[in-house]
């Protein structure tokens, strides 16, 4: 659902994922972990991003390589080999 405001459009997570061809969970994991780096305010309670389409595309297209959208790997037990 897209709602047009003054110069801004509100995008839901599913809008972003369908527009950019990535999964909803990839968008959520990136957006909600990296709120300090987003160019515009984020209303987490409603899960809507307040961005223009150009800002949105530029931000997500700048994420290279694509694996940066993946969640971090969990270390389920003990130390990993070769780490302190």
N, C-alpha and C. Protein backbone atom coordinates (compact mmCIF):
# COMPACT_ATOMS: atom_id res chain seq x y z
N UNK A 1 0.85 -1.19 0.00
CA UNK A 1 0.00 0.00 0.00
C UNK A 1 0.89 1.24 0.00
N UNK A 2 0.66 2.12 -0.93
CA UNK A 2 1.45 3.35 -0.98
C UNK A 2 0.52 4.54 -0.76
N UNK A 3 0.93 5.41 0.15
CA UNK A 3 0.14 6.59 0.46
C UNK A 3 0.96 7.80 0.07
N UNK A 4 0.43 8.65 -0.77
CA UNK A 4 1.19 9.82 -1.20
C UNK A 4 0.97 10.97 -0.24
N UNK A 5 2.08 11.60 0.16
CA UNK A 5 2.02 12.76 1.03
C UNK A 5 2.43 13.98 0.25
N UNK A 6 3.08 14.92 0.91
CA UNK A 6 3.52 16.13 0.23
C UNK A 6 4.50 15.77 -0.87
N UNK A 7 5.75 15.45 -0.47
CA UNK A 7 6.74 15.03 -1.45
C UNK A 7 7.19 13.62 -1.16
N UNK A 8 6.60 13.01 -0.16
CA UNK A 8 7.04 11.71 0.29
C UNK A 8 5.97 10.66 0.01
N UNK A 9 6.44 9.44 -0.13
CA UNK A 9 5.54 8.31 -0.27
C UNK A 9 5.88 7.33 0.84
N UNK A 10 4.86 6.79 1.47
CA UNK A 10 5.10 5.80 2.52
C UNK A 10 5.12 4.41 1.89
N UNK A 11 6.20 3.68 2.11
CA UNK A 11 6.31 2.32 1.58
C UNK A 11 6.26 1.33 2.73
N UNK A 12 5.53 0.25 2.53
CA UNK A 12 5.58 -0.84 3.50
C UNK A 12 6.75 -1.73 3.12
N UNK A 13 7.09 -2.65 4.02
CA UNK A 13 8.18 -3.58 3.76
C UNK A 13 7.89 -4.40 2.50
N UNK A 14 6.64 -4.82 2.32
CA UNK A 14 6.31 -5.63 1.14
C UNK A 14 6.40 -4.81 -0.14
N UNK A 15 6.11 -3.50 -0.07
CA UNK A 15 6.30 -2.64 -1.25
C UNK A 15 7.76 -2.63 -1.68
N UNK A 16 8.65 -2.50 -0.69
CA UNK A 16 10.08 -2.43 -0.99
C UNK A 16 10.56 -3.75 -1.58
N UNK A 17 10.15 -4.85 -0.95
CA UNK A 17 10.65 -6.14 -1.42
C UNK A 17 10.16 -6.45 -2.83
N UNK A 18 8.92 -6.10 -3.15
CA UNK A 18 8.43 -6.38 -4.49
C UNK A 18 9.07 -5.44 -5.52
N UNK A 19 9.34 -4.21 -5.12
CA UNK A 19 9.94 -3.24 -6.04
C UNK A 19 11.39 -3.62 -6.36
N UNK A 20 12.12 -4.11 -5.35
CA UNK A 20 13.53 -4.40 -5.54
C UNK A 20 13.81 -5.87 -5.81
N UNK A 21 12.79 -6.71 -5.73
CA UNK A 21 12.97 -8.13 -6.01
C UNK A 21 13.75 -8.88 -4.96
N UNK A 22 13.64 -8.47 -3.69
CA UNK A 22 14.27 -9.21 -2.60
C UNK A 22 13.20 -9.60 -1.60
N UNK A 23 13.53 -10.48 -0.67
CA UNK A 23 12.52 -10.99 0.25
C UNK A 23 12.15 -9.96 1.32
N UNK A 24 10.93 -10.12 1.87
CA UNK A 24 10.49 -9.25 2.96
C UNK A 24 11.45 -9.33 4.14
N UNK A 25 11.90 -10.55 4.45
CA UNK A 25 12.77 -10.70 5.62
C UNK A 25 14.11 -10.01 5.40
N UNK A 26 14.61 -10.01 4.17
CA UNK A 26 15.87 -9.31 3.90
C UNK A 26 15.71 -7.81 4.11
N UNK A 27 14.58 -7.27 3.69
CA UNK A 27 14.33 -5.84 3.89
C UNK A 27 14.21 -5.55 5.39
N UNK A 28 13.43 -6.35 6.09
CA UNK A 28 13.24 -6.13 7.53
C UNK A 28 14.56 -6.21 8.28
N UNK A 29 15.34 -7.25 8.00
CA UNK A 29 16.60 -7.43 8.73
C UNK A 29 17.53 -6.25 8.48
N UNK A 30 17.59 -5.78 7.25
CA UNK A 30 18.48 -4.66 6.97
C UNK A 30 17.96 -3.38 7.61
N UNK A 31 16.68 -3.08 7.39
CA UNK A 31 16.13 -1.81 7.83
C UNK A 31 16.12 -1.70 9.35
N UNK A 32 15.69 -2.73 10.04
CA UNK A 32 15.55 -2.60 11.47
C UNK A 32 16.87 -2.76 12.21
N UNK A 33 17.89 -3.33 11.57
CA UNK A 33 19.21 -3.38 12.19
C UNK A 33 20.02 -2.13 11.94
N UNK A 34 19.74 -1.42 10.86
CA UNK A 34 20.58 -0.32 10.43
C UNK A 34 19.88 1.03 10.51
N UNK A 35 18.99 1.21 11.47
CA UNK A 35 18.21 2.45 11.50
C UNK A 35 19.07 3.70 11.61
N UNK A 36 20.25 3.58 12.21
CA UNK A 36 21.11 4.76 12.35
C UNK A 36 21.64 5.25 11.01
N UNK A 37 21.62 4.37 10.00
CA UNK A 37 22.21 4.73 8.71
C UNK A 37 21.16 5.12 7.67
N UNK A 38 19.90 5.11 8.05
CA UNK A 38 18.86 5.43 7.07
C UNK A 38 18.80 6.93 6.84
N UNK A 39 18.54 7.36 5.61
CA UNK A 39 18.55 8.78 5.30
C UNK A 39 17.32 9.55 5.79
N UNK A 40 16.25 8.86 6.10
CA UNK A 40 15.02 9.53 6.51
C UNK A 40 14.45 8.85 7.75
N UNK A 41 13.52 9.50 8.44
CA UNK A 41 12.95 8.89 9.66
C UNK A 41 12.24 7.58 9.36
N UNK A 42 12.28 6.69 10.31
CA UNK A 42 11.63 5.39 10.18
C UNK A 42 10.63 5.24 11.32
N UNK A 43 9.40 4.93 10.97
CA UNK A 43 8.40 4.70 12.02
C UNK A 43 8.26 3.19 12.20
N UNK A 44 8.95 2.67 13.20
CA UNK A 44 8.99 1.23 13.38
C UNK A 44 7.63 0.69 13.84
N UNK A 45 6.91 1.45 14.62
CA UNK A 45 5.63 0.98 15.13
C UNK A 45 4.65 0.61 14.03
N UNK A 46 4.65 1.39 12.95
CA UNK A 46 3.74 1.10 11.84
C UNK A 46 4.43 0.33 10.73
N UNK A 47 5.74 0.10 10.88
CA UNK A 47 6.55 -0.59 9.88
C UNK A 47 6.45 0.07 8.52
N UNK A 48 6.47 1.37 8.51
CA UNK A 48 6.45 2.12 7.25
C UNK A 48 7.71 2.97 7.15
N UNK A 49 8.25 3.04 5.95
CA UNK A 49 9.42 3.88 5.71
C UNK A 49 8.95 5.18 5.08
N UNK A 50 9.52 6.28 5.52
CA UNK A 50 9.17 7.58 4.94
C UNK A 50 10.33 7.98 4.03
N UNK A 51 10.22 7.61 2.77
CA UNK A 51 11.26 7.88 1.79
C UNK A 51 10.63 8.23 0.46
N UNK A 52 11.38 8.92 -0.36
CA UNK A 52 10.96 9.03 -1.76
C UNK A 52 11.45 7.77 -2.47
N UNK A 53 10.86 7.47 -3.59
CA UNK A 53 11.25 6.27 -4.33
C UNK A 53 12.72 6.33 -4.74
N UNK A 54 13.19 7.52 -5.13
CA UNK A 54 14.58 7.64 -5.56
C UNK A 54 15.54 7.37 -4.40
N UNK A 55 15.22 7.89 -3.21
CA UNK A 55 16.07 7.64 -2.04
C UNK A 55 16.10 6.16 -1.72
N UNK A 56 14.93 5.56 -1.78
CA UNK A 56 14.79 4.15 -1.45
C UNK A 56 15.62 3.29 -2.39
N UNK A 57 15.47 3.51 -3.69
CA UNK A 57 16.20 2.70 -4.66
C UNK A 57 17.70 2.94 -4.56
N UNK A 58 18.10 4.19 -4.38
CA UNK A 58 19.52 4.49 -4.28
C UNK A 58 20.13 3.81 -3.05
N UNK A 59 19.40 3.82 -1.94
CA UNK A 59 19.91 3.22 -0.71
C UNK A 59 20.10 1.72 -0.86
N UNK A 60 19.06 1.03 -1.36
CA UNK A 60 19.16 -0.42 -1.45
C UNK A 60 20.06 -0.86 -2.60
N UNK A 61 20.12 -0.10 -3.67
CA UNK A 61 21.01 -0.45 -4.79
C UNK A 61 22.47 -0.27 -4.41
N UNK A 62 22.74 0.63 -3.43
CA UNK A 62 24.12 0.86 -3.02
C UNK A 62 24.66 -0.27 -2.16
N UNK A 63 23.81 -1.20 -1.76
CA UNK A 63 24.24 -2.30 -0.91
C UNK A 63 24.84 -3.40 -1.78
N UNK A 64 26.14 -3.35 -1.96
CA UNK A 64 26.81 -4.39 -2.74
C UNK A 64 27.91 -4.97 -1.88
N UNK A 65 28.17 -6.21 -1.93
CA UNK A 65 27.46 -7.24 -2.67
C UNK A 65 26.12 -7.58 -2.01
N UNK A 66 25.24 -8.32 -2.72
CA UNK A 66 23.89 -8.59 -2.21
C UNK A 66 23.85 -9.29 -0.86
N UNK A 67 24.90 -10.04 -0.51
CA UNK A 67 24.85 -10.74 0.76
C UNK A 67 24.83 -9.80 1.97
N UNK A 68 25.06 -8.50 1.77
CA UNK A 68 24.96 -7.57 2.90
C UNK A 68 23.54 -7.48 3.42
N UNK A 69 22.56 -7.93 2.64
CA UNK A 69 21.18 -7.93 3.11
C UNK A 69 20.85 -9.15 3.96
N UNK A 70 21.77 -10.11 4.02
CA UNK A 70 21.50 -11.31 4.79
C UNK A 70 21.75 -11.05 6.28
N UNK A 71 20.99 -11.73 7.15
CA UNK A 71 21.24 -11.58 8.59
C UNK A 71 22.59 -12.18 8.96
N UNK A 72 23.19 -11.71 10.06
CA UNK A 72 24.49 -12.26 10.47
C UNK A 72 24.36 -13.72 10.87
N UNK A 73 25.42 -14.48 10.67
CA UNK A 73 25.41 -15.90 11.06
C UNK A 73 25.49 -15.98 12.58
N UNK A 74 24.70 -16.88 13.15
CA UNK A 74 24.72 -17.04 14.60
C UNK A 74 25.79 -18.05 14.99
N UNK A 75 26.43 -17.79 16.11
CA UNK A 75 27.40 -18.72 16.67
C UNK A 75 26.67 -19.47 17.78
N UNK A 76 26.19 -20.68 17.45
CA UNK A 76 25.31 -21.37 18.39
C UNK A 76 26.05 -22.00 19.55
N UNK A 77 27.33 -22.26 19.43
CA UNK A 77 27.97 -22.88 20.57
C UNK A 77 29.44 -22.58 20.62
N UNK A 78 29.92 -22.21 21.78
CA UNK A 78 31.34 -22.06 22.01
C UNK A 78 32.03 -21.08 21.08
N UNK A 79 33.36 -21.16 21.11
CA UNK A 79 34.15 -20.28 20.25
C UNK A 79 34.33 -20.91 18.88
N UNK A 80 34.48 -20.07 17.89
CA UNK A 80 34.78 -20.58 16.56
C UNK A 80 36.28 -20.77 16.44
N UNK A 81 36.68 -21.70 15.59
CA UNK A 81 38.11 -21.93 15.38
C UNK A 81 38.79 -20.71 14.79
N UNK A 82 39.95 -20.40 15.31
CA UNK A 82 40.72 -19.31 14.77
C UNK A 82 40.31 -17.93 15.25
N UNK A 83 39.40 -17.86 16.22
CA UNK A 83 39.00 -16.56 16.76
C UNK A 83 39.40 -16.48 18.22
N UNK A 84 39.55 -15.28 18.71
CA UNK A 84 39.94 -15.11 20.11
C UNK A 84 38.73 -15.03 21.00
